[in-house]
């Protein structure tokens, strides 16, 4: 049997005890059944998740360089448009490509109950109803 690659997706690394223990429980149960599985995680804070759970972790959202949010970009409408169209979109596209590459190498995606994909508690702008 070949080694399976499993990716977890969720709000991990933010020190939310519920999310961290949910991930911990599913990792322990999964490794009990599939001890040779290769685990990885797409999460909010990959540095903490990797250290805490001992698996490779990758950021689930794009991280913009500090120079991109500098004051020189906030002056005038043209600067904002250039920043959003040229730089932010490029960073997002590159990040999405990296995420697709990570997922294409995975056999399974597990979203362990962190309400990442639920929409019944919030309105269209992610505000509580």
N, C-alpha and C. Protein backbone atom coordinates (compact mmCIF):
# COMPACT_ATOMS: atom_id res chain seq x y z
N UNK A 1 0.84 -1.18 0.00
CA UNK A 1 0.00 0.00 0.00
C UNK A 1 0.89 1.25 0.00
N UNK A 2 0.58 2.18 -0.89
CA UNK A 2 1.42 3.37 -0.98
C UNK A 2 1.11 4.37 0.12
N UNK A 3 2.06 5.23 0.39
CA UNK A 3 1.89 6.24 1.43
C UNK A 3 0.87 7.28 0.97
N UNK A 4 -0.12 7.55 1.79
CA UNK A 4 -1.16 8.53 1.48
C UNK A 4 -0.75 9.90 1.99
N UNK A 5 -1.12 10.91 1.22
CA UNK A 5 -0.88 12.28 1.59
C UNK A 5 -2.21 12.93 1.95
N UNK A 6 -2.29 13.48 3.16
CA UNK A 6 -3.54 14.05 3.65
C UNK A 6 -3.29 15.50 4.05
N UNK A 7 -4.16 16.39 3.57
CA UNK A 7 -4.05 17.81 3.87
C UNK A 7 -5.23 18.22 4.74
N UNK A 8 -4.92 18.95 5.81
CA UNK A 8 -5.95 19.53 6.68
C UNK A 8 -6.08 21.01 6.33
N UNK A 9 -7.31 21.50 6.38
CA UNK A 9 -7.56 22.92 6.09
C UNK A 9 -8.40 23.50 7.22
N UNK A 10 -7.95 24.62 7.77
CA UNK A 10 -8.73 25.24 8.83
C UNK A 10 -8.03 26.41 9.49
N UNK A 11 -8.68 26.94 10.50
CA UNK A 11 -8.17 28.07 11.25
C UNK A 11 -7.31 27.54 12.39
N UNK A 12 -6.09 27.16 12.07
CA UNK A 12 -5.19 26.58 13.05
C UNK A 12 -3.99 27.50 13.26
N UNK A 13 -3.40 27.38 14.44
CA UNK A 13 -2.24 28.20 14.76
C UNK A 13 -2.59 29.52 15.41
N UNK A 14 -3.87 29.76 15.63
CA UNK A 14 -4.30 31.03 16.24
C UNK A 14 -4.57 30.87 17.73
N UNK A 15 -4.21 29.72 18.27
CA UNK A 15 -4.35 29.40 19.69
C UNK A 15 -5.80 29.35 20.17
N UNK A 16 -6.69 29.00 19.25
CA UNK A 16 -8.08 28.74 19.60
C UNK A 16 -8.11 27.29 20.06
N UNK A 17 -8.37 27.07 21.35
CA UNK A 17 -8.28 25.72 21.92
C UNK A 17 -9.18 24.72 21.20
N UNK A 18 -10.38 25.13 20.84
CA UNK A 18 -11.29 24.22 20.15
C UNK A 18 -10.72 23.74 18.82
N UNK A 19 -10.21 24.67 18.03
CA UNK A 19 -9.64 24.30 16.73
C UNK A 19 -8.38 23.46 16.89
N UNK A 20 -7.52 23.85 17.83
CA UNK A 20 -6.26 23.12 18.02
C UNK A 20 -6.51 21.69 18.50
N UNK A 21 -7.45 21.51 19.42
CA UNK A 21 -7.72 20.17 19.93
C UNK A 21 -8.47 19.33 18.91
N UNK A 22 -9.29 19.97 18.08
CA UNK A 22 -9.96 19.23 17.01
C UNK A 22 -8.92 18.67 16.05
N UNK A 23 -7.97 19.50 15.65
CA UNK A 23 -6.89 19.03 14.76
C UNK A 23 -6.06 17.95 15.45
N UNK A 24 -5.71 18.17 16.69
CA UNK A 24 -4.91 17.19 17.43
C UNK A 24 -5.62 15.84 17.49
N UNK A 25 -6.92 15.86 17.80
CA UNK A 25 -7.68 14.61 17.91
C UNK A 25 -7.75 13.88 16.58
N UNK A 26 -7.99 14.61 15.51
CA UNK A 26 -8.11 13.94 14.21
C UNK A 26 -6.75 13.42 13.73
N UNK A 27 -5.67 14.14 14.04
CA UNK A 27 -4.33 13.67 13.66
C UNK A 27 -4.01 12.37 14.41
N UNK A 28 -4.27 12.35 15.72
CA UNK A 28 -3.99 11.13 16.50
C UNK A 28 -4.81 9.94 15.99
N UNK A 29 -6.09 10.14 15.75
CA UNK A 29 -6.94 9.05 15.26
C UNK A 29 -6.54 8.60 13.87
N UNK A 30 -6.19 9.53 13.02
CA UNK A 30 -5.79 9.19 11.67
C UNK A 30 -4.49 8.40 11.66
N UNK A 31 -3.51 8.84 12.47
CA UNK A 31 -2.23 8.13 12.52
C UNK A 31 -2.36 6.75 13.15
N UNK A 32 -3.36 6.56 14.00
CA UNK A 32 -3.61 5.24 14.56
C UNK A 32 -4.07 4.27 13.46
N UNK A 33 -4.84 4.78 12.52
CA UNK A 33 -5.36 3.94 11.44
C UNK A 33 -4.45 3.90 10.21
N UNK A 34 -3.72 4.98 9.99
CA UNK A 34 -2.81 5.08 8.84
C UNK A 34 -1.47 5.62 9.33
N UNK A 35 -0.66 4.79 9.99
CA UNK A 35 0.57 5.28 10.62
C UNK A 35 1.61 5.86 9.66
N UNK A 36 1.52 5.51 8.39
CA UNK A 36 2.51 6.00 7.44
C UNK A 36 2.01 7.15 6.58
N UNK A 37 0.89 7.70 6.95
CA UNK A 37 0.33 8.81 6.16
C UNK A 37 1.23 10.04 6.28
N UNK A 38 1.33 10.78 5.18
CA UNK A 38 2.08 12.03 5.16
C UNK A 38 1.07 13.16 5.36
N UNK A 39 1.20 13.89 6.47
CA UNK A 39 0.23 14.92 6.82
C UNK A 39 0.80 16.31 6.54
N UNK A 40 -0.08 17.22 6.14
CA UNK A 40 0.28 18.61 5.95
C UNK A 40 -0.96 19.46 6.22
N UNK A 41 -0.76 20.75 6.37
CA UNK A 41 -1.87 21.59 6.77
C UNK A 41 -1.84 22.94 6.04
N UNK A 42 -3.01 23.37 5.57
CA UNK A 42 -3.21 24.73 5.05
C UNK A 42 -3.95 25.47 6.17
N UNK A 43 -3.32 26.49 6.73
CA UNK A 43 -3.90 27.09 7.92
C UNK A 43 -3.57 28.57 8.03
N UNK A 44 -4.08 29.19 9.08
CA UNK A 44 -3.92 30.61 9.30
C UNK A 44 -2.50 30.98 9.71
N UNK A 45 -1.94 30.26 10.66
CA UNK A 45 -0.59 30.55 11.16
C UNK A 45 0.26 29.29 11.06
N UNK A 46 0.91 29.09 9.92
CA UNK A 46 1.62 27.83 9.70
C UNK A 46 2.81 27.61 10.63
N UNK A 47 3.47 28.67 11.08
CA UNK A 47 4.63 28.50 11.96
C UNK A 47 4.21 27.81 13.26
N UNK A 48 3.13 28.27 13.85
CA UNK A 48 2.65 27.69 15.10
C UNK A 48 2.12 26.28 14.88
N UNK A 49 1.38 26.08 13.81
CA UNK A 49 0.80 24.76 13.53
C UNK A 49 1.88 23.73 13.29
N UNK A 50 2.90 24.09 12.54
CA UNK A 50 3.99 23.17 12.26
C UNK A 50 4.71 22.77 13.54
N UNK A 51 4.98 23.74 14.39
CA UNK A 51 5.67 23.47 15.65
C UNK A 51 4.79 22.67 16.61
N UNK A 52 3.54 23.03 16.72
CA UNK A 52 2.63 22.41 17.68
C UNK A 52 2.24 20.98 17.28
N UNK A 53 2.02 20.74 15.98
CA UNK A 53 1.50 19.44 15.53
C UNK A 53 2.53 18.61 14.77
N UNK A 54 3.72 19.16 14.55
CA UNK A 54 4.79 18.39 13.93
C UNK A 54 4.54 17.97 12.50
N UNK A 55 3.94 18.87 11.72
CA UNK A 55 3.70 18.56 10.31
C UNK A 55 3.99 19.80 9.48
N UNK A 56 4.33 19.64 8.20
CA UNK A 56 4.50 20.81 7.36
C UNK A 56 3.20 21.59 7.26
N UNK A 57 3.29 22.90 7.34
CA UNK A 57 2.08 23.73 7.27
C UNK A 57 2.34 24.90 6.33
N UNK A 58 1.29 25.32 5.64
CA UNK A 58 1.37 26.39 4.66
C UNK A 58 0.27 27.40 4.92
N UNK A 59 0.53 28.64 4.63
CA UNK A 59 -0.43 29.72 4.88
C UNK A 59 -1.63 29.58 3.94
N UNK A 60 -2.83 29.71 4.50
CA UNK A 60 -4.04 29.55 3.70
C UNK A 60 -4.48 30.84 3.03
N UNK A 61 -3.84 31.93 3.35
CA UNK A 61 -4.15 33.21 2.71
C UNK A 61 -2.84 33.90 2.32
N UNK A 62 -2.91 34.73 1.33
CA UNK A 62 -1.72 35.41 0.85
C UNK A 62 -1.20 36.39 1.89
N UNK A 63 0.11 36.47 2.00
CA UNK A 63 0.73 37.43 2.91
C UNK A 63 1.43 38.46 2.04
N UNK A 64 1.04 39.71 2.23
CA UNK A 64 1.57 40.79 1.40
C UNK A 64 2.86 41.34 1.99
N UNK A 65 3.82 41.70 1.14
CA UNK A 65 5.04 42.30 1.65
C UNK A 65 4.74 43.66 2.30
N UNK A 66 5.54 44.02 3.29
CA UNK A 66 5.31 45.26 4.04
C UNK A 66 5.35 46.49 3.14
N UNK A 67 6.20 46.48 2.13
CA UNK A 67 6.32 47.66 1.28
C UNK A 67 5.06 47.90 0.46
N UNK A 68 4.24 46.88 0.30
CA UNK A 68 3.02 47.02 -0.49
C UNK A 68 1.94 47.82 0.24
N UNK A 69 2.00 47.84 1.56
CA UNK A 69 1.02 48.58 2.34
C UNK A 69 1.56 49.92 2.84
N UNK A 70 2.66 50.37 2.31
CA UNK A 70 3.25 51.63 2.74
C UNK A 70 2.39 52.83 2.38
N UNK A 71 2.69 53.97 2.99
CA UNK A 71 1.90 55.19 2.78
C UNK A 71 1.98 55.72 1.35
N UNK A 72 3.05 55.44 0.65
CA UNK A 72 3.16 55.97 -0.72
C UNK A 72 2.06 55.41 -1.63
N UNK A 73 1.49 54.25 -1.26
CA UNK A 73 0.44 53.64 -2.07
C UNK A 73 -0.95 54.18 -1.73
N UNK A 74 -1.09 54.83 -0.58
CA UNK A 74 -2.42 55.28 -0.17
C UNK A 74 -2.72 56.69 -0.65
N UNK A 75 -1.80 57.33 -1.32
CA UNK A 75 -2.01 58.69 -1.79
C UNK A 75 -2.65 58.66 -3.17
N UNK A 76 -3.88 59.10 -3.23
CA UNK A 76 -4.56 59.21 -4.52
C UNK A 76 -5.21 57.92 -4.98
N UNK A 77 -6.21 58.10 -5.80
CA UNK A 77 -6.97 56.97 -6.33
C UNK A 77 -6.12 56.11 -7.28
N UNK A 78 -5.27 56.72 -8.07
CA UNK A 78 -4.44 55.99 -9.03
C UNK A 78 -3.50 55.01 -8.31
N UNK A 79 -2.91 55.47 -7.21
CA UNK A 79 -2.02 54.59 -6.45
C UNK A 79 -2.73 53.38 -5.90
N UNK A 80 -3.96 53.57 -5.44
CA UNK A 80 -4.74 52.44 -4.90
C UNK A 80 -5.09 51.45 -6.00
N UNK A 81 -5.46 51.96 -7.16
CA UNK A 81 -5.82 51.07 -8.28
C UNK A 81 -4.60 50.28 -8.73
N UNK A 82 -3.45 50.94 -8.86
CA UNK A 82 -2.22 50.26 -9.27
C UNK A 82 -1.85 49.18 -8.25
N UNK A 83 -1.95 49.54 -6.98
CA UNK A 83 -1.62 48.58 -5.92
C UNK A 83 -2.51 47.35 -6.00
N UNK A 84 -3.80 47.56 -6.16
CA UNK A 84 -4.73 46.43 -6.18
C UNK A 84 -4.60 45.60 -7.45
N UNK A 85 -4.53 46.25 -8.58
CA UNK A 85 -4.50 45.52 -9.84
C UNK A 85 -3.18 44.84 -10.10
N UNK A 86 -2.10 45.57 -9.94
CA UNK A 86 -0.81 45.00 -10.31
C UNK A 86 -0.17 44.14 -9.23
N UNK A 87 -0.18 44.62 -8.02
CA UNK A 87 0.57 43.92 -6.99
C UNK A 87 -0.26 42.92 -6.20
N UNK A 88 -1.37 43.36 -5.64
CA UNK A 88 -2.17 42.46 -4.81
C UNK A 88 -2.72 41.28 -5.62
N UNK A 89 -3.21 41.55 -6.82
CA UNK A 89 -3.73 40.46 -7.64
C UNK A 89 -2.64 39.47 -8.02
N UNK A 90 -1.45 39.99 -8.31
CA UNK A 90 -0.33 39.12 -8.65
C UNK A 90 0.06 38.24 -7.46
N UNK A 91 0.10 38.84 -6.27
CA UNK A 91 0.41 38.07 -5.06
C UNK A 91 -0.66 37.00 -4.84
N UNK A 92 -1.94 37.36 -5.01
CA UNK A 92 -3.03 36.40 -4.82
C UNK A 92 -2.95 35.25 -5.83
N UNK A 93 -2.70 35.58 -7.09
CA UNK A 93 -2.61 34.54 -8.13
C UNK A 93 -1.47 33.58 -7.83
N UNK A 94 -0.33 34.11 -7.43
CA UNK A 94 0.81 33.25 -7.08
C UNK A 94 0.48 32.37 -5.88
N UNK A 95 -0.21 32.94 -4.90
CA UNK A 95 -0.58 32.16 -3.71
C UNK A 95 -1.58 31.06 -4.07
N UNK A 96 -2.56 31.37 -4.90
CA UNK A 96 -3.51 30.36 -5.35
C UNK A 96 -2.81 29.24 -6.10
N UNK A 97 -1.85 29.59 -6.95
CA UNK A 97 -1.11 28.58 -7.70
C UNK A 97 -0.35 27.65 -6.74
N UNK A 98 0.22 28.21 -5.70
CA UNK A 98 0.93 27.41 -4.71
C UNK A 98 -0.05 26.48 -3.99
N UNK A 99 -1.23 27.00 -3.64
CA UNK A 99 -2.25 26.18 -2.98
C UNK A 99 -2.73 25.04 -3.87
N UNK A 100 -2.92 25.32 -5.15
CA UNK A 100 -3.33 24.27 -6.10
C UNK A 100 -2.25 23.20 -6.21
N UNK A 101 -0.99 23.62 -6.23
CA UNK A 101 0.13 22.67 -6.31
C UNK A 101 0.15 21.77 -5.06
N UNK A 102 -0.05 22.37 -3.88
CA UNK A 102 -0.08 21.60 -2.64
C UNK A 102 -1.22 20.59 -2.68
N UNK A 103 -2.41 21.04 -3.08
CA UNK A 103 -3.57 20.16 -3.10
C UNK A 103 -3.48 19.09 -4.17
N UNK A 104 -2.84 19.39 -5.29
CA UNK A 104 -2.74 18.39 -6.36
C UNK A 104 -1.85 17.22 -5.96
N UNK A 105 -0.99 17.43 -4.99
CA UNK A 105 -0.12 16.36 -4.50
C UNK A 105 -0.74 15.61 -3.33
N UNK A 106 -1.94 15.96 -2.96
CA UNK A 106 -2.60 15.37 -1.81
C UNK A 106 -3.67 14.38 -2.25
N UNK A 107 -3.82 13.31 -1.49
CA UNK A 107 -4.85 12.32 -1.79
C UNK A 107 -6.19 12.67 -1.16
N UNK A 108 -6.16 13.47 -0.09
CA UNK A 108 -7.39 13.74 0.64
C UNK A 108 -7.30 15.12 1.30
N UNK A 109 -8.43 15.81 1.33
CA UNK A 109 -8.55 17.08 2.05
C UNK A 109 -9.54 16.88 3.18
N UNK A 110 -9.12 17.23 4.40
CA UNK A 110 -10.00 17.13 5.56
C UNK A 110 -10.13 18.51 6.18
N UNK A 111 -11.38 18.94 6.39
CA UNK A 111 -11.66 20.21 7.07
C UNK A 111 -12.25 19.82 8.43
N UNK A 112 -11.40 19.77 9.46
CA UNK A 112 -11.85 19.26 10.76
C UNK A 112 -12.63 20.26 11.61
N UNK A 113 -13.86 20.51 11.27
CA UNK A 113 -14.83 21.20 12.09
C UNK A 113 -14.46 22.54 12.69
N UNK A 114 -13.89 23.45 11.94
CA UNK A 114 -13.57 24.76 12.49
C UNK A 114 -14.48 25.85 11.93
N UNK A 115 -15.61 25.47 11.40
CA UNK A 115 -16.59 26.37 10.79
C UNK A 115 -16.00 27.20 9.66
N UNK A 116 -14.97 26.68 9.01
CA UNK A 116 -14.36 27.38 7.89
C UNK A 116 -15.31 27.43 6.71
N UNK A 117 -16.07 26.38 6.51
CA UNK A 117 -16.93 26.32 5.34
C UNK A 117 -18.41 26.50 5.66
N UNK A 118 -18.73 26.92 6.87
CA UNK A 118 -20.14 27.14 7.20
C UNK A 118 -20.51 28.60 6.96
N UNK A 119 -21.76 28.82 6.57
CA UNK A 119 -22.20 30.20 6.35
C UNK A 119 -23.52 30.50 7.05
N UNK A 120 -23.98 29.60 7.89
CA UNK A 120 -25.29 29.80 8.50
C UNK A 120 -25.26 30.77 9.68
N UNK A 121 -24.11 31.12 10.19
CA UNK A 121 -24.04 32.04 11.33
C UNK A 121 -23.72 33.48 10.92
N UNK A 122 -23.39 33.70 9.67
CA UNK A 122 -22.98 35.04 9.25
C UNK A 122 -23.77 35.49 8.03
N UNK A 123 -23.77 36.79 7.82
CA UNK A 123 -24.41 37.37 6.65
C UNK A 123 -23.46 37.41 5.47
N UNK A 124 -23.81 38.13 4.43
CA UNK A 124 -23.00 38.15 3.22
C UNK A 124 -21.62 38.81 3.40
N UNK A 125 -21.46 39.64 4.42
CA UNK A 125 -20.17 40.31 4.66
C UNK A 125 -19.43 39.69 5.82
N UNK A 126 -19.79 38.46 6.19
CA UNK A 126 -19.17 37.70 7.30
C UNK A 126 -19.40 38.35 8.64
N UNK A 127 -20.48 39.08 8.79
CA UNK A 127 -20.84 39.67 10.07
C UNK A 127 -21.91 38.80 10.71
N UNK A 128 -21.91 38.67 12.03
CA UNK A 128 -22.95 37.87 12.67
C UNK A 128 -24.35 38.37 12.33
N UNK A 129 -25.26 37.43 12.11
CA UNK A 129 -26.64 37.77 11.76
C UNK A 129 -27.40 38.25 12.97
